[in-house]
N, C-alpha and C. Protein backbone atom coordinates (compact mmCIF):
# COMPACT_ATOMS: atom_id res chain seq x y z
N MET A 1 -1.87 -10.58 -19.69
CA MET A 1 -3.10 -10.89 -18.96
C MET A 1 -3.78 -9.59 -18.55
N THR A 2 -5.04 -9.40 -18.98
CA THR A 2 -5.79 -8.21 -18.56
C THR A 2 -6.77 -8.58 -17.45
N LEU A 3 -7.19 -7.55 -16.71
CA LEU A 3 -8.09 -7.78 -15.58
C LEU A 3 -9.54 -7.56 -15.93
N ALA A 4 -9.84 -7.45 -17.21
CA ALA A 4 -11.19 -7.08 -17.64
C ALA A 4 -12.27 -7.97 -17.03
N GLU A 5 -12.07 -9.28 -17.04
CA GLU A 5 -13.11 -10.19 -16.58
C GLU A 5 -13.05 -10.47 -15.08
N GLN A 6 -11.90 -10.13 -14.45
CA GLN A 6 -11.73 -10.44 -13.02
C GLN A 6 -12.18 -9.31 -12.09
N VAL A 7 -12.36 -8.12 -12.62
CA VAL A 7 -12.66 -6.97 -11.77
C VAL A 7 -14.13 -6.97 -11.31
N ILE A 8 -14.34 -6.74 -10.03
CA ILE A 8 -15.67 -6.58 -9.49
C ILE A 8 -15.77 -5.21 -8.82
N VAL A 9 -16.99 -4.72 -8.65
CA VAL A 9 -17.21 -3.46 -7.97
C VAL A 9 -17.70 -3.77 -6.56
N VAL A 10 -16.98 -3.25 -5.57
CA VAL A 10 -17.36 -3.45 -4.17
C VAL A 10 -18.00 -2.18 -3.66
N GLN A 11 -19.24 -2.26 -3.21
CA GLN A 11 -20.00 -1.10 -2.77
C GLN A 11 -20.29 -1.19 -1.27
N PRO A 12 -20.55 -0.05 -0.62
CA PRO A 12 -20.76 -0.05 0.83
C PRO A 12 -21.87 -0.97 1.29
N GLU A 13 -22.90 -1.16 0.49
CA GLU A 13 -24.02 -1.98 0.95
C GLU A 13 -23.73 -3.49 0.86
N ARG A 14 -22.62 -3.84 0.22
CA ARG A 14 -22.30 -5.26 0.09
C ARG A 14 -21.66 -5.78 1.37
N PRO A 15 -21.99 -7.01 1.78
CA PRO A 15 -21.44 -7.56 3.03
C PRO A 15 -19.92 -7.57 3.06
N ALA A 16 -19.29 -7.75 1.89
CA ALA A 16 -17.83 -7.86 1.86
C ALA A 16 -17.12 -6.52 1.91
N PHE A 17 -17.87 -5.43 1.89
CA PHE A 17 -17.24 -4.11 1.87
C PHE A 17 -16.58 -3.85 3.23
N PRO A 18 -15.29 -3.49 3.25
CA PRO A 18 -14.60 -3.24 4.53
C PRO A 18 -15.24 -2.09 5.30
N PRO A 19 -15.64 -2.28 6.54
CA PRO A 19 -16.28 -1.23 7.32
C PRO A 19 -15.44 0.04 7.40
N SER A 20 -14.11 -0.10 7.45
CA SER A 20 -13.25 1.08 7.60
C SER A 20 -13.38 2.05 6.43
N LEU A 21 -13.73 1.55 5.26
CA LEU A 21 -13.83 2.42 4.10
C LEU A 21 -15.01 3.37 4.18
N THR A 22 -16.04 3.02 4.93
CA THR A 22 -17.22 3.87 4.98
C THR A 22 -16.96 5.16 5.74
N THR A 23 -15.88 5.22 6.50
CA THR A 23 -15.55 6.43 7.26
C THR A 23 -14.33 7.15 6.70
N MET A 24 -13.83 6.71 5.55
CA MET A 24 -12.66 7.36 4.98
C MET A 24 -12.98 8.78 4.56
N LYS A 25 -12.10 9.71 4.92
CA LYS A 25 -12.37 11.14 4.67
C LYS A 25 -12.33 11.48 3.19
N ASP A 26 -11.68 10.66 2.35
CA ASP A 26 -11.57 10.99 0.92
C ASP A 26 -12.66 10.34 0.08
N LEU A 27 -13.50 9.54 0.69
CA LEU A 27 -14.52 8.83 -0.05
C LEU A 27 -15.89 9.11 0.57
N ASP A 28 -16.90 9.19 -0.28
CA ASP A 28 -18.24 9.45 0.25
C ASP A 28 -19.08 8.19 0.23
N ALA A 29 -20.34 8.32 0.61
CA ALA A 29 -21.20 7.14 0.74
C ALA A 29 -21.48 6.46 -0.60
N ASN A 30 -21.23 7.15 -1.70
CA ASN A 30 -21.50 6.58 -3.01
C ASN A 30 -20.27 6.00 -3.67
N VAL A 31 -19.21 5.83 -2.87
CA VAL A 31 -17.95 5.36 -3.44
C VAL A 31 -18.07 3.96 -4.01
N HIS A 32 -17.33 3.74 -5.08
CA HIS A 32 -17.15 2.41 -5.62
C HIS A 32 -15.68 2.06 -5.49
N VAL A 33 -15.39 0.85 -5.08
CA VAL A 33 -14.03 0.37 -5.04
C VAL A 33 -13.95 -0.83 -5.97
N TRP A 34 -13.04 -0.76 -6.93
CA TRP A 34 -12.88 -1.86 -7.88
C TRP A 34 -11.84 -2.82 -7.34
N ALA A 35 -12.13 -4.11 -7.46
CA ALA A 35 -11.24 -5.12 -6.89
C ALA A 35 -11.08 -6.29 -7.86
N ALA A 36 -9.88 -6.85 -7.84
CA ALA A 36 -9.60 -8.09 -8.57
C ALA A 36 -8.82 -8.99 -7.63
N GLY A 37 -9.36 -10.16 -7.35
CA GLY A 37 -8.75 -11.06 -6.40
C GLY A 37 -9.68 -11.29 -5.22
N SER A 38 -9.20 -12.01 -4.22
CA SER A 38 -10.01 -12.34 -3.05
C SER A 38 -10.08 -11.18 -2.08
N ILE A 39 -11.27 -10.61 -1.90
CA ILE A 39 -11.42 -9.48 -0.99
C ILE A 39 -11.49 -9.91 0.48
N ASP A 40 -11.49 -11.22 0.72
CA ASP A 40 -11.53 -11.70 2.09
C ASP A 40 -10.30 -11.24 2.88
N VAL A 41 -9.19 -11.00 2.19
CA VAL A 41 -7.96 -10.60 2.87
C VAL A 41 -8.11 -9.24 3.54
N LEU A 42 -9.11 -8.47 3.14
CA LEU A 42 -9.32 -7.14 3.73
C LEU A 42 -9.70 -7.22 5.21
N SER A 43 -10.16 -8.37 5.65
CA SER A 43 -10.55 -8.52 7.05
C SER A 43 -9.33 -8.75 7.95
N ARG A 44 -8.15 -8.96 7.34
CA ARG A 44 -6.94 -9.21 8.11
C ARG A 44 -6.22 -7.91 8.46
N SER A 45 -5.36 -7.96 9.47
CA SER A 45 -4.54 -6.82 9.80
C SER A 45 -3.61 -6.51 8.65
N LYS A 46 -3.43 -5.23 8.33
CA LYS A 46 -2.66 -4.86 7.15
C LYS A 46 -1.60 -3.81 7.50
N THR A 47 -0.45 -3.95 6.88
CA THR A 47 0.64 -2.98 7.04
C THR A 47 0.79 -2.17 5.77
N GLY A 48 0.54 -0.86 5.87
CA GLY A 48 0.72 0.00 4.71
C GLY A 48 2.20 0.24 4.45
N PHE A 49 2.56 0.40 3.19
CA PHE A 49 3.98 0.55 2.83
C PHE A 49 4.16 1.76 1.94
N PHE A 50 4.99 2.70 2.42
CA PHE A 50 5.36 3.89 1.65
C PHE A 50 6.86 4.09 1.76
N CYS A 51 7.49 4.64 0.73
CA CYS A 51 8.92 4.94 0.81
C CYS A 51 9.24 6.05 -0.19
N SER A 52 10.02 7.05 0.25
CA SER A 52 10.46 8.09 -0.68
C SER A 52 11.24 7.47 -1.82
N SER A 53 11.15 8.07 -2.98
CA SER A 53 11.76 7.49 -4.19
C SER A 53 13.29 7.44 -4.09
N GLN A 54 13.90 8.42 -3.43
CA GLN A 54 15.34 8.43 -3.24
C GLN A 54 15.65 7.88 -1.85
N CYS A 55 16.13 6.64 -1.80
CA CYS A 55 16.36 5.97 -0.53
C CYS A 55 17.87 5.80 -0.30
N PRO A 56 18.43 6.34 0.80
CA PRO A 56 19.86 6.20 1.07
C PRO A 56 20.30 4.75 1.14
N GLY A 57 21.54 4.51 0.69
CA GLY A 57 22.06 3.14 0.66
C GLY A 57 22.08 2.46 2.01
N SER A 58 22.29 3.24 3.08
CA SER A 58 22.35 2.66 4.42
C SER A 58 20.99 2.10 4.86
N ILE A 59 19.93 2.52 4.17
CA ILE A 59 18.59 2.06 4.53
C ILE A 59 18.10 0.92 3.64
N VAL A 60 18.65 0.85 2.42
CA VAL A 60 18.13 -0.12 1.44
C VAL A 60 18.20 -1.54 1.94
N LEU A 61 19.39 -2.00 2.35
CA LEU A 61 19.54 -3.39 2.78
C LEU A 61 18.71 -3.69 4.03
N LYS A 62 18.66 -2.73 4.95
CA LYS A 62 17.85 -2.91 6.17
C LYS A 62 16.37 -3.05 5.79
N THR A 63 15.97 -2.31 4.77
CA THR A 63 14.57 -2.40 4.33
C THR A 63 14.29 -3.77 3.72
N PHE A 64 15.18 -4.26 2.88
CA PHE A 64 15.00 -5.57 2.28
C PHE A 64 14.91 -6.65 3.35
N ASP A 65 15.76 -6.53 4.38
CA ASP A 65 15.72 -7.50 5.48
C ASP A 65 14.38 -7.42 6.23
N ALA A 66 13.90 -6.20 6.46
CA ALA A 66 12.64 -6.02 7.18
C ALA A 66 11.47 -6.58 6.37
N ILE A 67 11.46 -6.31 5.06
CA ILE A 67 10.40 -6.81 4.20
C ILE A 67 10.43 -8.35 4.15
N THR A 68 11.63 -8.92 4.12
CA THR A 68 11.74 -10.37 4.12
C THR A 68 11.17 -10.97 5.40
N ARG A 69 11.46 -10.34 6.55
CA ARG A 69 10.90 -10.81 7.82
C ARG A 69 9.38 -10.71 7.82
N MET A 70 8.86 -9.60 7.34
CA MET A 70 7.41 -9.43 7.30
C MET A 70 6.78 -10.49 6.40
N ARG A 71 7.41 -10.75 5.28
CA ARG A 71 6.91 -11.78 4.36
C ARG A 71 6.89 -13.14 5.05
N ASP A 72 8.01 -13.50 5.68
CA ASP A 72 8.11 -14.81 6.31
C ASP A 72 7.19 -14.96 7.51
N GLU A 73 6.84 -13.83 8.14
CA GLU A 73 5.89 -13.86 9.27
C GLU A 73 4.44 -13.89 8.78
N GLY A 74 4.24 -13.77 7.48
CA GLY A 74 2.89 -13.83 6.93
C GLY A 74 2.12 -12.53 7.02
N GLN A 75 2.83 -11.41 7.24
CA GLN A 75 2.13 -10.12 7.31
C GLN A 75 1.57 -9.73 5.94
N VAL A 76 0.42 -9.08 5.97
CA VAL A 76 -0.21 -8.59 4.74
C VAL A 76 0.22 -7.15 4.53
N LEU A 77 0.94 -6.87 3.44
CA LEU A 77 1.33 -5.51 3.11
C LEU A 77 0.44 -4.94 2.02
N ILE A 78 0.13 -3.67 2.16
CA ILE A 78 -0.70 -2.98 1.17
C ILE A 78 0.02 -1.70 0.76
N GLY A 79 0.07 -1.46 -0.55
CA GLY A 79 0.74 -0.26 -1.02
C GLY A 79 0.60 -0.09 -2.53
N GLY A 80 1.15 1.02 -3.01
CA GLY A 80 1.12 1.28 -4.44
C GLY A 80 2.28 0.66 -5.17
N PHE A 81 3.39 0.41 -4.44
CA PHE A 81 4.58 -0.24 -5.00
C PHE A 81 4.95 0.40 -6.34
N HIS A 82 5.06 1.72 -6.33
CA HIS A 82 5.30 2.45 -7.57
C HIS A 82 6.75 2.80 -7.82
N SER A 83 7.46 3.28 -6.80
CA SER A 83 8.85 3.67 -6.99
C SER A 83 9.72 2.43 -7.17
N VAL A 84 10.94 2.66 -7.61
CA VAL A 84 11.87 1.53 -7.83
C VAL A 84 12.07 0.76 -6.53
N MET A 85 12.26 1.48 -5.43
CA MET A 85 12.48 0.83 -4.12
C MET A 85 11.24 0.02 -3.72
N GLU A 86 10.08 0.61 -3.87
CA GLU A 86 8.84 -0.09 -3.50
C GLU A 86 8.63 -1.33 -4.36
N TRP A 87 8.95 -1.20 -5.65
CA TRP A 87 8.75 -2.35 -6.55
C TRP A 87 9.70 -3.50 -6.20
N GLU A 88 10.94 -3.16 -5.81
CA GLU A 88 11.89 -4.21 -5.41
C GLU A 88 11.39 -4.92 -4.16
N CYS A 89 10.77 -4.17 -3.26
CA CYS A 89 10.19 -4.79 -2.06
C CYS A 89 9.01 -5.68 -2.44
N LEU A 90 8.22 -5.26 -3.41
CA LEU A 90 7.12 -6.10 -3.88
C LEU A 90 7.64 -7.41 -4.45
N ARG A 91 8.75 -7.36 -5.16
CA ARG A 91 9.33 -8.58 -5.73
C ARG A 91 9.75 -9.55 -4.63
N ILE A 92 10.23 -9.00 -3.51
CA ILE A 92 10.57 -9.86 -2.36
C ILE A 92 9.30 -10.50 -1.80
N LEU A 93 8.24 -9.70 -1.68
CA LEU A 93 6.99 -10.22 -1.15
C LEU A 93 6.39 -11.30 -2.05
N LEU A 94 6.57 -11.14 -3.34
CA LEU A 94 6.00 -12.11 -4.29
C LEU A 94 6.63 -13.49 -4.15
N ARG A 95 7.80 -13.57 -3.53
CA ARG A 95 8.46 -14.87 -3.36
C ARG A 95 7.96 -15.60 -2.12
N GLY A 96 7.01 -15.02 -1.41
CA GLY A 96 6.46 -15.67 -0.23
C GLY A 96 5.13 -16.36 -0.53
N ARG A 97 4.39 -16.61 0.53
CA ARG A 97 3.08 -17.29 0.39
C ARG A 97 1.95 -16.46 0.98
N GLN A 98 2.27 -15.32 1.56
CA GLN A 98 1.30 -14.47 2.23
C GLN A 98 0.55 -13.60 1.22
N PRO A 99 -0.64 -13.13 1.59
CA PRO A 99 -1.38 -12.22 0.69
C PRO A 99 -0.67 -10.87 0.56
N ILE A 100 -0.91 -10.22 -0.57
CA ILE A 100 -0.39 -8.88 -0.84
C ILE A 100 -1.55 -8.08 -1.42
N ILE A 101 -1.63 -6.80 -1.06
CA ILE A 101 -2.64 -5.93 -1.63
C ILE A 101 -1.95 -4.81 -2.39
N TRP A 102 -2.21 -4.72 -3.66
CA TRP A 102 -1.61 -3.71 -4.53
C TRP A 102 -2.68 -2.69 -4.91
N VAL A 103 -2.37 -1.40 -4.74
CA VAL A 103 -3.32 -0.34 -5.06
C VAL A 103 -2.68 0.62 -6.06
N PRO A 104 -2.88 0.42 -7.35
CA PRO A 104 -2.33 1.34 -8.34
C PRO A 104 -3.01 2.71 -8.27
N ALA A 105 -2.31 3.75 -8.71
CA ALA A 105 -2.88 5.10 -8.71
C ALA A 105 -3.59 5.36 -10.03
N ARG A 106 -4.50 4.45 -10.39
CA ARG A 106 -5.28 4.54 -11.63
C ARG A 106 -6.36 3.47 -11.57
N THR A 107 -7.23 3.47 -12.54
CA THR A 107 -8.23 2.40 -12.60
C THR A 107 -7.56 1.06 -12.88
N ILE A 108 -8.20 -0.01 -12.42
CA ILE A 108 -7.69 -1.34 -12.76
C ILE A 108 -8.56 -2.00 -13.82
N VAL A 109 -9.62 -1.34 -14.23
CA VAL A 109 -10.50 -1.88 -15.27
C VAL A 109 -9.74 -1.88 -16.60
N GLY A 110 -9.56 -3.05 -17.16
CA GLY A 110 -8.82 -3.18 -18.42
C GLY A 110 -7.33 -3.15 -18.28
N MET A 111 -6.82 -3.09 -17.03
CA MET A 111 -5.38 -3.03 -16.82
C MET A 111 -4.72 -4.35 -17.24
N ARG A 112 -3.56 -4.25 -17.83
CA ARG A 112 -2.77 -5.43 -18.19
C ARG A 112 -1.82 -5.74 -17.04
N LEU A 113 -1.88 -6.95 -16.53
CA LEU A 113 -1.08 -7.36 -15.39
C LEU A 113 0.31 -7.81 -15.85
N LYS A 114 1.34 -7.25 -15.23
CA LYS A 114 2.72 -7.62 -15.59
C LYS A 114 2.94 -9.11 -15.33
N PRO A 115 3.75 -9.76 -16.17
CA PRO A 115 3.98 -11.21 -16.02
C PRO A 115 4.44 -11.63 -14.64
N GLU A 116 5.29 -10.83 -13.98
CA GLU A 116 5.80 -11.25 -12.67
C GLU A 116 4.74 -11.20 -11.57
N LEU A 117 3.61 -10.52 -11.85
CA LEU A 117 2.51 -10.47 -10.89
C LEU A 117 1.49 -11.58 -11.10
N GLN A 118 1.50 -12.17 -12.27
CA GLN A 118 0.46 -13.13 -12.62
C GLN A 118 0.45 -14.39 -11.76
N PRO A 119 1.60 -14.99 -11.41
CA PRO A 119 1.54 -16.19 -10.57
C PRO A 119 0.84 -15.95 -9.23
N ALA A 120 1.19 -14.86 -8.54
CA ALA A 120 0.57 -14.57 -7.25
C ALA A 120 -0.92 -14.30 -7.40
N PHE A 121 -1.29 -13.66 -8.52
CA PHE A 121 -2.70 -13.37 -8.76
C PHE A 121 -3.48 -14.66 -9.02
N LYS A 122 -2.91 -15.55 -9.82
CA LYS A 122 -3.57 -16.83 -10.11
C LYS A 122 -3.67 -17.71 -8.87
N GLU A 123 -2.70 -17.57 -7.95
CA GLU A 123 -2.74 -18.34 -6.71
C GLU A 123 -3.72 -17.77 -5.70
N GLY A 124 -4.26 -16.60 -5.99
CA GLY A 124 -5.19 -15.96 -5.06
C GLY A 124 -4.51 -15.18 -3.94
N ARG A 125 -3.21 -14.93 -4.08
CA ARG A 125 -2.48 -14.21 -3.03
C ARG A 125 -2.44 -12.70 -3.27
N LEU A 126 -2.67 -12.29 -4.51
CA LEU A 126 -2.57 -10.88 -4.84
C LEU A 126 -3.96 -10.28 -5.05
N LEU A 127 -4.30 -9.35 -4.16
CA LEU A 127 -5.55 -8.60 -4.30
C LEU A 127 -5.20 -7.23 -4.87
N ILE A 128 -5.91 -6.83 -5.92
CA ILE A 128 -5.67 -5.53 -6.53
C ILE A 128 -6.90 -4.67 -6.30
N LEU A 129 -6.68 -3.48 -5.73
CA LEU A 129 -7.76 -2.57 -5.37
C LEU A 129 -7.55 -1.22 -6.04
N SER A 130 -8.65 -0.53 -6.32
CA SER A 130 -8.57 0.84 -6.80
C SER A 130 -9.88 1.58 -6.50
N PRO A 131 -9.77 2.82 -5.99
CA PRO A 131 -10.96 3.64 -5.79
C PRO A 131 -11.24 4.51 -7.02
N PHE A 132 -10.53 4.26 -8.12
CA PHE A 132 -10.64 5.12 -9.30
C PHE A 132 -11.48 4.49 -10.41
N PRO A 133 -12.38 5.26 -11.00
CA PRO A 133 -13.28 4.74 -12.04
C PRO A 133 -12.52 4.47 -13.35
N PRO A 134 -13.17 3.80 -14.29
CA PRO A 134 -12.53 3.46 -15.57
C PRO A 134 -12.00 4.66 -16.35
N THR A 135 -12.52 5.84 -16.09
CA THR A 135 -12.04 7.02 -16.83
C THR A 135 -10.64 7.46 -16.37
N GLN A 136 -10.24 7.04 -15.18
CA GLN A 136 -8.93 7.42 -14.65
C GLN A 136 -7.89 6.35 -14.99
N ASN A 137 -7.45 6.34 -16.25
CA ASN A 137 -6.55 5.27 -16.69
C ASN A 137 -5.10 5.70 -16.84
N ARG A 138 -4.77 6.89 -16.32
CA ARG A 138 -3.39 7.35 -16.35
C ARG A 138 -2.99 7.81 -14.95
N ILE A 139 -1.78 7.43 -14.54
CA ILE A 139 -1.28 7.81 -13.22
C ILE A 139 -0.91 9.29 -13.21
N THR A 140 -1.39 10.00 -12.20
CA THR A 140 -1.03 11.41 -12.02
C THR A 140 -0.62 11.62 -10.56
N LEU A 141 0.01 12.75 -10.29
CA LEU A 141 0.41 13.05 -8.92
C LEU A 141 -0.80 13.13 -8.01
N ALA A 142 -1.88 13.75 -8.50
CA ALA A 142 -3.09 13.88 -7.69
C ALA A 142 -3.68 12.51 -7.35
N LEU A 143 -3.71 11.61 -8.33
CA LEU A 143 -4.24 10.27 -8.07
C LEU A 143 -3.33 9.51 -7.12
N ALA A 144 -2.02 9.70 -7.25
CA ALA A 144 -1.08 9.02 -6.36
C ALA A 144 -1.30 9.46 -4.91
N GLN A 145 -1.56 10.75 -4.71
CA GLN A 145 -1.82 11.24 -3.37
C GLN A 145 -3.12 10.69 -2.80
N GLN A 146 -4.15 10.62 -3.65
CA GLN A 146 -5.42 10.03 -3.21
C GLN A 146 -5.23 8.56 -2.90
N ARG A 147 -4.46 7.87 -3.75
CA ARG A 147 -4.19 6.45 -3.50
C ARG A 147 -3.49 6.23 -2.17
N ASN A 148 -2.52 7.10 -1.85
CA ASN A 148 -1.79 6.95 -0.60
C ASN A 148 -2.72 7.12 0.60
N ARG A 149 -3.67 8.04 0.51
CA ARG A 149 -4.63 8.21 1.59
C ARG A 149 -5.55 6.98 1.71
N PHE A 150 -5.89 6.43 0.59
CA PHE A 150 -6.70 5.21 0.55
C PHE A 150 -5.96 4.08 1.27
N VAL A 151 -4.68 3.92 0.94
CA VAL A 151 -3.85 2.90 1.58
C VAL A 151 -3.71 3.17 3.07
N GLY A 152 -3.42 4.44 3.42
CA GLY A 152 -3.24 4.79 4.83
C GLY A 152 -4.47 4.53 5.67
N ASP A 153 -5.64 4.80 5.10
CA ASP A 153 -6.87 4.57 5.85
C ASP A 153 -7.18 3.10 6.01
N LEU A 154 -6.80 2.28 5.04
CA LEU A 154 -7.05 0.85 5.13
C LEU A 154 -6.08 0.14 6.08
N ALA A 155 -4.86 0.67 6.17
CA ALA A 155 -3.80 -0.02 6.94
C ALA A 155 -3.98 0.17 8.43
N ASN A 156 -3.60 -0.86 9.18
CA ASN A 156 -3.58 -0.79 10.63
C ASN A 156 -2.29 -0.17 11.14
N THR A 157 -1.19 -0.49 10.45
CA THR A 157 0.15 0.01 10.77
C THR A 157 0.78 0.49 9.48
N ILE A 158 1.70 1.47 9.57
CA ILE A 158 2.36 1.99 8.40
C ILE A 158 3.86 1.75 8.52
N PHE A 159 4.46 1.08 7.53
CA PHE A 159 5.90 0.89 7.47
C PHE A 159 6.48 1.86 6.43
N VAL A 160 7.32 2.76 6.90
CA VAL A 160 7.94 3.77 6.03
C VAL A 160 9.46 3.66 6.19
N PRO A 161 10.15 2.92 5.32
CA PRO A 161 11.60 2.77 5.45
C PRO A 161 12.33 4.11 5.44
N HIS A 162 11.85 5.04 4.59
CA HIS A 162 12.50 6.35 4.50
C HIS A 162 11.49 7.39 4.01
N ALA A 163 11.51 8.54 4.68
CA ALA A 163 10.72 9.69 4.25
C ALA A 163 11.67 10.87 4.20
N ALA A 164 12.00 11.31 3.02
CA ALA A 164 12.98 12.38 2.84
C ALA A 164 12.48 13.68 3.46
N PRO A 165 13.40 14.46 4.06
CA PRO A 165 13.01 15.74 4.65
C PRO A 165 12.30 16.63 3.63
N GLY A 166 11.16 17.19 4.03
CA GLY A 166 10.41 18.07 3.14
C GLY A 166 9.60 17.37 2.07
N SER A 167 9.59 16.06 2.08
CA SER A 167 8.90 15.29 1.03
C SER A 167 7.42 15.16 1.33
N ARG A 168 6.64 14.82 0.29
CA ARG A 168 5.22 14.56 0.47
C ARG A 168 5.01 13.34 1.37
N THR A 169 5.94 12.38 1.29
CA THR A 169 5.86 11.20 2.15
C THR A 169 5.95 11.59 3.61
N LEU A 170 6.90 12.46 3.94
CA LEU A 170 7.05 12.90 5.33
C LEU A 170 5.83 13.70 5.78
N ASN A 171 5.32 14.55 4.92
CA ASN A 171 4.13 15.35 5.26
C ASN A 171 2.94 14.44 5.56
N TYR A 172 2.80 13.38 4.74
CA TYR A 172 1.68 12.48 4.96
C TYR A 172 1.89 11.66 6.25
N CYS A 173 3.13 11.26 6.50
CA CYS A 173 3.42 10.54 7.74
C CYS A 173 3.10 11.42 8.96
N THR A 174 3.36 12.72 8.85
CA THR A 174 3.03 13.63 9.93
C THR A 174 1.53 13.65 10.18
N GLU A 175 0.75 13.64 9.10
CA GLU A 175 -0.71 13.59 9.23
C GLU A 175 -1.15 12.29 9.89
N LEU A 176 -0.57 11.19 9.44
CA LEU A 176 -0.94 9.89 9.98
C LEU A 176 -0.59 9.78 11.46
N SER A 177 0.59 10.28 11.81
CA SER A 177 1.01 10.24 13.21
C SER A 177 0.08 11.07 14.08
N SER A 178 -0.30 12.23 13.60
CA SER A 178 -1.22 13.11 14.35
C SER A 178 -2.57 12.46 14.54
N ALA A 179 -2.96 11.62 13.57
CA ALA A 179 -4.24 10.92 13.65
C ALA A 179 -4.17 9.66 14.51
N GLY A 180 -2.97 9.37 15.03
CA GLY A 180 -2.83 8.21 15.92
C GLY A 180 -2.47 6.92 15.22
N LYS A 181 -2.11 6.99 13.94
CA LYS A 181 -1.74 5.78 13.21
C LYS A 181 -0.32 5.36 13.61
N LYS A 182 -0.11 4.10 13.86
CA LYS A 182 1.21 3.59 14.23
C LYS A 182 2.12 3.58 13.02
N ILE A 183 3.32 4.16 13.17
CA ILE A 183 4.30 4.20 12.09
C ILE A 183 5.57 3.49 12.52
N VAL A 184 6.10 2.68 11.61
CA VAL A 184 7.35 1.95 11.83
C VAL A 184 8.35 2.39 10.80
N THR A 185 9.62 2.65 11.21
CA THR A 185 10.63 3.05 10.24
C THR A 185 11.99 2.45 10.60
N ILE A 186 12.95 2.61 9.70
CA ILE A 186 14.30 2.12 9.93
C ILE A 186 15.04 3.11 10.82
N ASP A 187 15.73 2.59 11.84
CA ASP A 187 16.51 3.42 12.75
C ASP A 187 17.80 3.83 12.04
N ASP A 188 17.80 5.03 11.48
CA ASP A 188 18.94 5.50 10.68
C ASP A 188 18.98 7.02 10.75
N SER A 189 20.18 7.60 10.71
CA SER A 189 20.32 9.04 10.81
C SER A 189 19.60 9.78 9.69
N HIS A 190 19.42 9.15 8.53
CA HIS A 190 18.73 9.77 7.41
C HIS A 190 17.22 9.92 7.69
N ASN A 191 16.75 9.24 8.72
CA ASN A 191 15.32 9.31 9.07
C ASN A 191 15.06 10.19 10.28
N GLU A 192 15.99 11.13 10.54
CA GLU A 192 15.88 11.96 11.73
C GLU A 192 14.54 12.68 11.81
N ALA A 193 14.09 13.25 10.69
CA ALA A 193 12.82 13.98 10.70
C ALA A 193 11.65 13.06 10.99
N LEU A 194 11.67 11.88 10.43
CA LEU A 194 10.58 10.92 10.65
C LEU A 194 10.60 10.40 12.08
N LEU A 195 11.78 10.19 12.62
CA LEU A 195 11.89 9.66 13.97
C LEU A 195 11.48 10.68 15.04
N ARG A 196 11.38 11.95 14.66
CA ARG A 196 10.92 12.96 15.61
C ARG A 196 9.41 12.93 15.82
N LEU A 197 8.71 12.24 14.93
CA LEU A 197 7.25 12.14 15.09
C LEU A 197 6.95 11.31 16.33
N SER A 198 5.77 11.50 16.89
CA SER A 198 5.43 10.82 18.14
C SER A 198 5.15 9.33 17.92
N ASP A 199 5.64 8.54 18.86
CA ASP A 199 5.36 7.09 18.91
C ASP A 199 5.76 6.34 17.64
N VAL A 200 6.90 6.72 17.05
CA VAL A 200 7.40 6.00 15.89
C VAL A 200 8.22 4.82 16.36
N GLU A 201 7.94 3.63 15.85
CA GLU A 201 8.70 2.44 16.22
C GLU A 201 9.93 2.32 15.34
N ARG A 202 11.08 2.04 15.94
CA ARG A 202 12.34 1.95 15.21
C ARG A 202 12.70 0.50 14.90
N LEU A 203 13.10 0.24 13.68
CA LEU A 203 13.63 -1.07 13.30
C LEU A 203 15.12 -0.92 13.05
N SER A 204 15.92 -1.79 13.64
CA SER A 204 17.37 -1.72 13.45
C SER A 204 17.77 -2.44 12.18
C-alpha cells in the first residue's frame, strides 16, 4: 500500500494547521507539512517518544509496561519509531484503539506502508506526518535530528525510556528540559544522567 493518493499538504494558512507549528524554530512561515490520515488528532494532547537504540534489559520490560498503560489510557504518542526498541513499542500501540502519530525521517510522498501499519491507517487511527519534501526520500542522520525536533515541538510531554550517556538523545533531552518541556523516564540506575535533569518525572 502506497500513500500516493492519501497524502495532503498542510500549510500555515489552512484552518487545520496546528498553531504550535507556526512558532517552531526549525520551520519558517513557508513550511509545508505533508500528512496522511486524520489531522484532527493534532488538536489532542500528545506524548513524544524517544529512546536510545541500545536500551538496557532492566529498562525494556518497564518500558513495555509503561507503553501498554499509555495505550490503554488512550494517550496519543508521536514519534519516529525508528530503532528496534521504538518499533516494538509501536507494535504494542498498534494493538490498541487510540490514535498514533508516526513521523518518518523522510518524505511520505510515495512511501509504501508496511503491512502491519495498514489496519490502523485504514481505521483512521494512524496519522503520518512529515516536514520533508518529496526530494527527501532517504533517511539520513541530519533528517532524523530535524524529525526529532519536529516531534519535540509538537509534543506536550516527552517520554524517554532511556537516553544513553553522551548520546544525541540525552543532548536533545537536555535542550528540551532547559526549554521547560516535561520529560518522563524510567526510574533506573542506567538513566542517572537523564534523571539529573530538572523536573524529570520518574516511572517505576
